[in-house]
Amino acid sequence: MVTMVGNESSIEKLVTDLIYLEHDAIAAYESCIERLDNKEFSAQIATFREDHPQHLQVLNEMARELGIEAPTEGDMKQMLTTGKIALADIMGDAAILRAMKTNEDDTVRA
């Protein structure tokens, strides 16, 4: 699933969309961590997740500076990112990690 973040016509809309994207990413990481059977994998994924609250903090500050209201949770895409991981759970850790990688690739592209 390809994100459209980065194609906005204003900085305010871009910051808002990036905040949604970070909330979605955090939810996907948490879903992944909860579902992995291998605790070493879970611990490593948790370290990757640590970057996102920092991104969110910076984006929330940008929203304040721009005078816009920052979203406090993810958007509809969150259902897709976490749902992909939930479906992958049926097939085990390798499928969960592949699903998470596609989510992260999308976030990085944005």
C-alpha atoms as a PDB file:
ATOM      1  CA  MET A   1       0.000   0.000   0.000  1.00  0.00           C
ATOM      2  CA  VAL A   2       1.563   3.259  -1.101  1.00  0.00           C
ATOM      3  CA  THR A   3       1.083   6.378   0.960  1.00  0.00           C
ATOM      4  CA  MET A   4       0.140   9.680  -0.571  1.00  0.00           C
ATOM      5  CA  VAL A   5       1.910  11.610   2.187  1.00  0.00           C
ATOM      6  CA  GLY A   6       4.281  14.108   0.643  1.00  0.00           C
ATOM      7  CA  ASN A   7       1.907  15.306  -2.065  1.00  0.00           C
ATOM      8  CA  GLU A   8       0.063  17.869   0.060  1.00  0.00           C
ATOM      9  CA  SER A   9      -0.436  21.425  -1.130  1.00  0.00           C
ATOM     10  CA  SER A  10       0.358  23.083   2.220  1.00  0.00           C
ATOM     11  CA  ILE A  11       2.833  22.622   5.051  1.00  0.00           C
ATOM     12  CA  GLU A  12      -0.065  22.432   7.527  1.00  0.00           C
ATOM     13  CA  LYS A  13      -1.628  19.479   5.691  1.00  0.00           C
ATOM     14  CA  LEU A  14       1.765  17.794   5.349  1.00  0.00           C
ATOM     15  CA  VAL A  15       2.498  18.053   9.079  1.00  0.00           C
ATOM     16  CA  THR A  16      -0.992  16.769   9.906  1.00  0.00           C
ATOM     17  CA  ASP A  17      -0.591  13.801   7.561  1.00  0.00           C
ATOM     18  CA  LEU A  18       2.864  13.001   8.936  1.00  0.00           C
ATOM     19  CA  ILE A  19       1.447  12.998  12.476  1.00  0.00           C
ATOM     20  CA  TYR A  20      -1.242  10.538  11.381  1.00  0.00           C
ATOM     21  CA  LEU A  21       1.464   8.425   9.748  1.00  0.00           C
ATOM     22  CA  GLU A  22       3.514   8.323  12.953  1.00  0.00           C
ATOM     23  CA  HIS A  23       0.482   7.296  15.036  1.00  0.00           C
ATOM     24  CA  ASP A  24      -0.230   4.573  12.471  1.00  0.00           C
ATOM     25  CA  ALA A  25       3.393   3.390  12.587  1.00  0.00           C
ATOM     26  CA  ILE A  26       3.409   3.220  16.395  1.00  0.00           C
ATOM     27  CA  ALA A  27       0.197   1.161  16.368  1.00  0.00           C
ATOM     28  CA  ALA A  28       1.669  -1.206  13.765  1.00  0.00           C
ATOM     29  CA  TYR A  29       4.848  -1.680  15.795  1.00  0.00           C
ATOM     30  CA  GLU A  30       2.839  -2.385  18.944  1.00  0.00           C
ATOM     31  CA  SER A  31       0.690  -4.913  17.084  1.00  0.00           C
ATOM     32  CA  CYS A  32       3.793  -6.591  15.715  1.00  0.00           C
ATOM     33  CA  ILE A  33       5.508  -6.734  19.116  1.00  0.00           C
ATOM     34  CA  GLU A  34       2.416  -8.271  20.730  1.00  0.00           C
ATOM     35  CA  ARG A  35       2.046 -10.961  18.074  1.00  0.00           C
ATOM     36  CA  LEU A  36       5.615 -12.189  17.655  1.00  0.00           C
ATOM     37  CA  ASP A  37       6.355 -15.488  19.375  1.00  0.00           C
ATOM     38  CA  ASN A  38      10.117 -14.936  19.293  1.00  0.00           C
ATOM     39  CA  LYS A  39      10.888 -12.559  22.167  1.00  0.00           C
ATOM     40  CA  GLU A  40      14.259 -11.589  20.669  1.00  0.00           C
ATOM     41  CA  PHE A  41      12.445 -10.390  17.550  1.00  0.00           C
ATOM     42  CA  SER A  42       9.941  -8.525  19.737  1.00  0.00           C
ATOM     43  CA  ALA A  43      12.754  -6.801  21.626  1.00  0.00           C
ATOM     44  CA  GLN A  44      14.456  -5.739  18.390  1.00  0.00           C
ATOM     45  CA  ILE A  45      11.201  -4.424  16.917  1.00  0.00           C
ATOM     46  CA  ALA A  46      10.644  -2.488  20.163  1.00  0.00           C
ATOM     47  CA  THR A  47      13.965  -0.707  19.632  1.00  0.00           C
ATOM     48  CA  PHE A  48      12.875   0.286  16.111  1.00  0.00           C
ATOM     49  CA  ARG A  49       9.594   1.604  17.527  1.00  0.00           C
ATOM     50  CA  GLU A  50      11.489   3.973  19.853  1.00  0.00           C
ATOM     51  CA  ASP A  51      12.214   6.403  16.996  1.00  0.00           C
ATOM     52  CA  HIS A  52       8.552   7.097  16.301  1.00  0.00           C
ATOM     53  CA  PRO A  53       7.518   8.823  19.557  1.00  0.00           C
ATOM     54  CA  GLN A  54      10.454  11.192  19.019  1.00  0.00           C
ATOM     55  CA  HIS A  55       9.271  11.893  15.458  1.00  0.00           C
ATOM     56  CA  LEU A  56       5.791  12.506  16.850  1.00  0.00           C
ATOM     57  CA  GLN A  57       7.129  14.946  19.441  1.00  0.00           C
ATOM     58  CA  VAL A  58       8.927  16.987  16.761  1.00  0.00           C
ATOM     59  CA  LEU A  59       5.885  16.980  14.479  1.00  0.00           C
ATOM     60  CA  ASN A  60       3.584  18.026  17.340  1.00  0.00           C
ATOM     61  CA  GLU A  61       5.896  20.962  18.038  1.00  0.00           C
ATOM     62  CA  MET A  62       5.766  21.903  14.359  1.00  0.00           C
ATOM     63  CA  ALA A  63       1.963  21.756  14.505  1.00  0.00           C
ATOM     64  CA  ARG A  64       1.969  24.116  17.499  1.00  0.00           C
ATOM     65  CA  GLU A  65       4.266  26.526  15.678  1.00  0.00           C
ATOM     66  CA  LEU A  66       1.984  26.428  12.635  1.00  0.00           C
ATOM     67  CA  GLY A  67      -1.088  26.972  14.806  1.00  0.00           C
ATOM     68  CA  ILE A  68      -2.798  23.744  13.760  1.00  0.00           C
ATOM     69  CA  GLU A  69      -4.420  21.063  15.890  1.00  0.00           C
ATOM     70  CA  ALA A  70      -2.330  17.904  15.935  1.00  0.00           C
ATOM     71  CA  PRO A  71      -4.137  14.578  15.585  1.00  0.00           C
ATOM     72  CA  THR A  72      -3.962  12.488  18.753  1.00  0.00           C
ATOM     73  CA  GLU A  73      -4.409   9.116  17.094  1.00  0.00           C
ATOM     74  CA  GLY A  74      -4.020   7.395  13.756  1.00  0.00           C
ATOM     75  CA  ASP A  75      -6.391   7.532  10.844  1.00  0.00           C
ATOM     76  CA  MET A  76      -8.084   4.846   8.756  1.00  0.00           C
ATOM     77  CA  LYS A  77      -4.725   3.646   7.458  1.00  0.00           C
ATOM     78  CA  GLN A  78      -3.996   2.388  10.974  1.00  0.00           C
ATOM     79  CA  MET A  79      -6.654  -0.277  10.467  1.00  0.00           C
ATOM     80  CA  LEU A  80      -4.879  -1.378   7.302  1.00  0.00           C
ATOM     81  CA  THR A  81      -1.385  -1.475   8.805  1.00  0.00           C
ATOM     82  CA  THR A  82      -2.429  -3.316  11.959  1.00  0.00           C
ATOM     83  CA  GLY A  83      -4.845  -5.519  10.025  1.00  0.00           C
ATOM     84  CA  LYS A  84      -2.073  -6.641   7.700  1.00  0.00           C
ATOM     85  CA  ILE A  85      -0.075  -7.741  10.741  1.00  0.00           C
ATOM     86  CA  ALA A  86      -3.082  -9.489  12.291  1.00  0.00           C
ATOM     87  CA  LEU A  87      -3.619 -11.479   9.093  1.00  0.00           C
ATOM     88  CA  ALA A  88       0.066 -12.354   8.905  1.00  0.00           C
ATOM     89  CA  ASP A  89      -0.134 -13.689  12.469  1.00  0.00           C
ATOM     90  CA  ILE A  90      -1.935 -16.735  11.070  1.00  0.00           C
ATOM     91  CA  MET A  91       1.263 -17.699   9.235  1.00  0.00           C
ATOM     92  CA  GLY A  92       3.786 -17.001  12.005  1.00  0.00           C
ATOM     93  CA  ASP A  93       6.664 -14.719  12.847  1.00  0.00           C
ATOM     94  CA  ALA A  94       8.234 -14.592   9.368  1.00  0.00           C
ATOM     95  CA  ALA A  95       4.961 -13.409   7.826  1.00  0.00           C
ATOM     96  CA  ILE A  96       4.460 -10.859  10.616  1.00  0.00           C
ATOM     97  CA  LEU A  97       7.920  -9.433  10.001  1.00  0.00           C
ATOM     98  CA  ARG A  98       7.316  -9.258   6.236  1.00  0.00           C
ATOM     99  CA  ALA A  99       4.047  -7.402   6.842  1.00  0.00           C
ATOM    100  CA  MET A 100       5.793  -5.014   9.218  1.00  0.00           C
ATOM    101  CA  LYS A 101       8.532  -4.398   6.673  1.00  0.00           C
ATOM    102  CA  THR A 102       5.996  -3.328   4.054  1.00  0.00           C
ATOM    103  CA  ASN A 103       4.493  -0.917   6.595  1.00  0.00           C
ATOM    104  CA  GLU A 104       7.904   0.520   7.431  1.00  0.00           C
ATOM    105  CA  ASP A 105       8.885   0.826   3.760  1.00  0.00           C
ATOM    106  CA  ASP A 106       5.750   2.890   3.187  1.00  0.00           C
ATOM    107  CA  THR A 107       6.516   5.136   6.166  1.00  0.00           C
ATOM    108  CA  VAL A 108      10.113   5.668   5.053  1.00  0.00           C
ATOM    109  CA  ARG A 109       8.987   6.575   1.518  1.00  0.00           C
ATOM    110  CA  ALA A 110       6.701   9.228   2.973  1.00  0.00           C
END
